Amino acid sequence: MSGGATVYSTWPGREGAEAAAEIVVKEGLAACANLLGPATSIYRWKGELHRDAETVALFKTDQARAAALVGRLKELHPHDCPCLVAWNWSAGFAPYLDWVAAQTAPPPPT
């Protein structure tokens, strides 16, 4: 295993976050997703201050699949400039790391 990665994202609604999570887990890009919230996000966008309720999503994947996962989430996300941030991890409970790697392994060639 190359190591794992977490992709952090925020979504304007829980339904969209759940739908995206189901898609990327079914496609094998993420081993699992945790949906947290509602969370309050305070940010400046196009010169204006915003305060919005959002759902936080944490997607676990293999480092080798993180870029593909970010790309797929961008396709699924309703925002033009969504929060999609990945960070790598190389240490953790070995059986869990092995499970993440197995769940996100590309399918064998046919």
C-alpha atoms as a PDB file:
ATOM      1  CA  MET A   1       0.000   0.000   0.000  1.00  0.00           C
ATOM      2  CA  SER A   2       1.254   3.469  -0.840  1.00  0.00           C
ATOM      3  CA  GLY A   3      -0.424   4.918   2.238  1.00  0.00           C
ATOM      4  CA  GLY A   4      -3.841   6.377   2.770  1.00  0.00           C
ATOM      5  CA  ALA A   5      -5.378   9.773   2.225  1.00  0.00           C
ATOM      6  CA  THR A   6      -8.333  11.731   3.507  1.00  0.00           C
ATOM      7  CA  VAL A   7     -10.221  14.104   1.238  1.00  0.00           C
ATOM      8  CA  TYR A   8     -12.022  16.846   3.151  1.00  0.00           C
ATOM      9  CA  SER A   9     -14.994  18.551   1.541  1.00  0.00           C
ATOM     10  CA  THR A  10     -18.001  20.644   2.435  1.00  0.00           C
ATOM     11  CA  TRP A  11     -21.402  20.400   0.778  1.00  0.00           C
ATOM     12  CA  PRO A  12     -24.375  22.782   0.770  1.00  0.00           C
ATOM     13  CA  GLY A  13     -26.768  19.989   1.753  1.00  0.00           C
ATOM     14  CA  ARG A  14     -26.673  16.560   3.315  1.00  0.00           C
ATOM     15  CA  GLU A  15     -28.521  14.921   0.429  1.00  0.00           C
ATOM     16  CA  GLY A  16     -25.862  15.929  -2.100  1.00  0.00           C
ATOM     17  CA  ALA A  17     -23.077  14.815   0.216  1.00  0.00           C
ATOM     18  CA  GLU A  18     -24.765  11.444   0.771  1.00  0.00           C
ATOM     19  CA  ALA A  19     -25.337  10.919  -2.947  1.00  0.00           C
ATOM     20  CA  ALA A  20     -21.704  11.753  -3.760  1.00  0.00           C
ATOM     21  CA  ALA A  21     -20.472   9.470  -0.957  1.00  0.00           C
ATOM     22  CA  GLU A  22     -22.514   6.548  -2.255  1.00  0.00           C
ATOM     23  CA  ILE A  23     -21.240   7.082  -5.804  1.00  0.00           C
ATOM     24  CA  VAL A  24     -17.525   7.272  -4.944  1.00  0.00           C
ATOM     25  CA  VAL A  25     -17.709   4.312  -2.558  1.00  0.00           C
ATOM     26  CA  LYS A  26     -19.548   2.219  -5.181  1.00  0.00           C
ATOM     27  CA  GLU A  27     -16.951   3.258  -7.783  1.00  0.00           C
ATOM     28  CA  GLY A  28     -14.098   2.214  -5.472  1.00  0.00           C
ATOM     29  CA  LEU A  29     -12.575   5.685  -5.287  1.00  0.00           C
ATOM     30  CA  ALA A  30     -13.241   5.896  -1.545  1.00  0.00           C
ATOM     31  CA  ALA A  31     -13.342   3.146   1.044  1.00  0.00           C
ATOM     32  CA  CYS A  32     -15.803   5.097   3.152  1.00  0.00           C
ATOM     33  CA  ALA A  33     -17.117   8.557   3.859  1.00  0.00           C
ATOM     34  CA  ASN A  34     -18.053  10.241   7.121  1.00  0.00           C
ATOM     35  CA  LEU A  35     -20.698  12.954   6.928  1.00  0.00           C
ATOM     36  CA  LEU A  36     -20.697  15.457   9.762  1.00  0.00           C
ATOM     37  CA  GLY A  37     -22.917  18.377  10.442  1.00  0.00           C
ATOM     38  CA  PRO A  38     -24.581  20.576  10.078  1.00  0.00           C
ATOM     39  CA  ALA A  39     -21.536  22.766  10.349  1.00  0.00           C
ATOM     40  CA  THR A  40     -21.424  26.543  10.091  1.00  0.00           C
ATOM     41  CA  SER A  41     -19.032  27.899   7.482  1.00  0.00           C
ATOM     42  CA  ILE A  42     -18.053  31.561   7.557  1.00  0.00           C
ATOM     43  CA  TYR A  43     -16.137  32.744   4.514  1.00  0.00           C
ATOM     44  CA  ARG A  44     -15.658  35.579   2.074  1.00  0.00           C
ATOM     45  CA  TRP A  45     -16.717  34.950  -1.515  1.00  0.00           C
ATOM     46  CA  LYS A  46     -16.546  37.567  -4.270  1.00  0.00           C
ATOM     47  CA  GLY A  47     -16.015  40.288  -1.687  1.00  0.00           C
ATOM     48  CA  GLU A  48     -18.997  39.398   0.487  1.00  0.00           C
ATOM     49  CA  LEU A  49     -19.071  37.705   3.886  1.00  0.00           C
ATOM     50  CA  HIS A  50     -21.162  34.524   3.968  1.00  0.00           C
ATOM     51  CA  ARG A  51     -22.401  32.290   6.769  1.00  0.00           C
ATOM     52  CA  ASP A  52     -23.863  28.982   5.606  1.00  0.00           C
ATOM     53  CA  ALA A  53     -24.905  25.659   7.060  1.00  0.00           C
ATOM     54  CA  GLU A  54     -22.936  22.904   5.326  1.00  0.00           C
ATOM     55  CA  THR A  55     -22.279  19.190   5.626  1.00  0.00           C
ATOM     56  CA  VAL A  56     -18.652  18.209   6.166  1.00  0.00           C
ATOM     57  CA  ALA A  57     -17.557  15.069   4.352  1.00  0.00           C
ATOM     58  CA  LEU A  58     -14.379  13.084   5.004  1.00  0.00           C
ATOM     59  CA  PHE A  59     -13.541  10.514   2.341  1.00  0.00           C
ATOM     60  CA  LYS A  60     -10.883   7.840   3.031  1.00  0.00           C
ATOM     61  CA  THR A  61      -8.909   6.463   0.122  1.00  0.00           C
ATOM     62  CA  ASP A  62      -5.497   5.220  -0.964  1.00  0.00           C
ATOM     63  CA  GLN A  63      -2.902   7.900  -1.775  1.00  0.00           C
ATOM     64  CA  ALA A  64      -2.707   6.593  -5.329  1.00  0.00           C
ATOM     65  CA  ARG A  65      -6.465   7.217  -5.795  1.00  0.00           C
ATOM     66  CA  ALA A  66      -6.708  10.614  -4.058  1.00  0.00           C
ATOM     67  CA  ALA A  67      -6.365  12.733  -7.212  1.00  0.00           C
ATOM     68  CA  ALA A  68      -8.998  10.658  -9.034  1.00  0.00           C
ATOM     69  CA  LEU A  69     -11.312  10.966  -6.026  1.00  0.00           C
ATOM     70  CA  VAL A  70     -10.885  14.759  -5.940  1.00  0.00           C
ATOM     71  CA  GLY A  71     -11.618  14.919  -9.667  1.00  0.00           C
ATOM     72  CA  ARG A  72     -14.756  12.801  -9.350  1.00  0.00           C
ATOM     73  CA  LEU A  73     -16.014  14.824  -6.379  1.00  0.00           C
ATOM     74  CA  LYS A  74     -15.521  18.011  -8.415  1.00  0.00           C
ATOM     75  CA  GLU A  75     -17.791  16.516 -11.095  1.00  0.00           C
ATOM     76  CA  LEU A  76     -20.444  15.691  -8.487  1.00  0.00           C
ATOM     77  CA  HIS A  77     -20.269  18.928  -6.486  1.00  0.00           C
ATOM     78  CA  PRO A  78     -22.761  21.727  -7.183  1.00  0.00           C
ATOM     79  CA  HIS A  79     -20.302  24.577  -6.500  1.00  0.00           C
ATOM     80  CA  ASP A  80     -17.960  26.081  -9.101  1.00  0.00           C
ATOM     81  CA  CYS A  81     -15.086  26.206  -6.597  1.00  0.00           C
ATOM     82  CA  PRO A  82     -15.777  23.490  -3.986  1.00  0.00           C
ATOM     83  CA  CYS A  83     -13.642  22.836  -0.948  1.00  0.00           C
ATOM     84  CA  LEU A  84     -11.735  19.662  -1.892  1.00  0.00           C
ATOM     85  CA  VAL A  85      -8.541  19.188   0.109  1.00  0.00           C
ATOM     86  CA  ALA A  86      -6.541  15.976   0.439  1.00  0.00           C
ATOM     87  CA  TRP A  87      -3.917  15.036   2.978  1.00  0.00           C
ATOM     88  CA  ASN A  88      -1.873  11.862   3.111  1.00  0.00           C
ATOM     89  CA  TRP A  89      -1.312   9.550   6.063  1.00  0.00           C
ATOM     90  CA  SER A  90       1.217   6.786   6.330  1.00  0.00           C
ATOM     91  CA  ALA A  91       0.663   5.501   9.853  1.00  0.00           C
ATOM     92  CA  GLY A  92      -2.362   4.006  11.528  1.00  0.00           C
ATOM     93  CA  PHE A  93      -3.963   0.742  12.561  1.00  0.00           C
ATOM     94  CA  ALA A  94      -2.530  -1.690   9.998  1.00  0.00           C
ATOM     95  CA  PRO A  95      -5.706  -3.759   9.465  1.00  0.00           C
ATOM     96  CA  TYR A  96      -7.671  -0.570   8.754  1.00  0.00           C
ATOM     97  CA  LEU A  97      -5.032   0.707   6.338  1.00  0.00           C
ATOM     98  CA  ASP A  98      -5.113  -2.669   4.576  1.00  0.00           C
ATOM     99  CA  TRP A  99      -8.917  -2.496   4.358  1.00  0.00           C
ATOM    100  CA  VAL A 100      -8.790   1.001   2.815  1.00  0.00           C
ATOM    101  CA  ALA A 101      -6.240  -0.227   0.265  1.00  0.00           C
ATOM    102  CA  ALA A 102      -8.361  -3.273  -0.600  1.00  0.00           C
ATOM    103  CA  GLN A 103     -11.557  -1.237  -0.998  1.00  0.00           C
ATOM    104  CA  THR A 104      -9.926   1.306  -3.309  1.00  0.00           C
ATOM    105  CA  ALA A 105      -7.740  -1.018  -5.377  1.00  0.00           C
ATOM    106  CA  PRO A 106      -8.375  -0.638  -9.097  1.00  0.00           C
ATOM    107  CA  PRO A 107     -10.172  -3.632 -10.586  1.00  0.00           C
ATOM    108  CA  PRO A 108      -7.916  -6.262 -12.170  1.00  0.00           C
ATOM    109  CA  PRO A 109      -7.490  -6.005 -15.941  1.00  0.00           C
ATOM    110  CA  THR A 110      -9.900  -8.091 -17.967  1.00  0.00           C
END
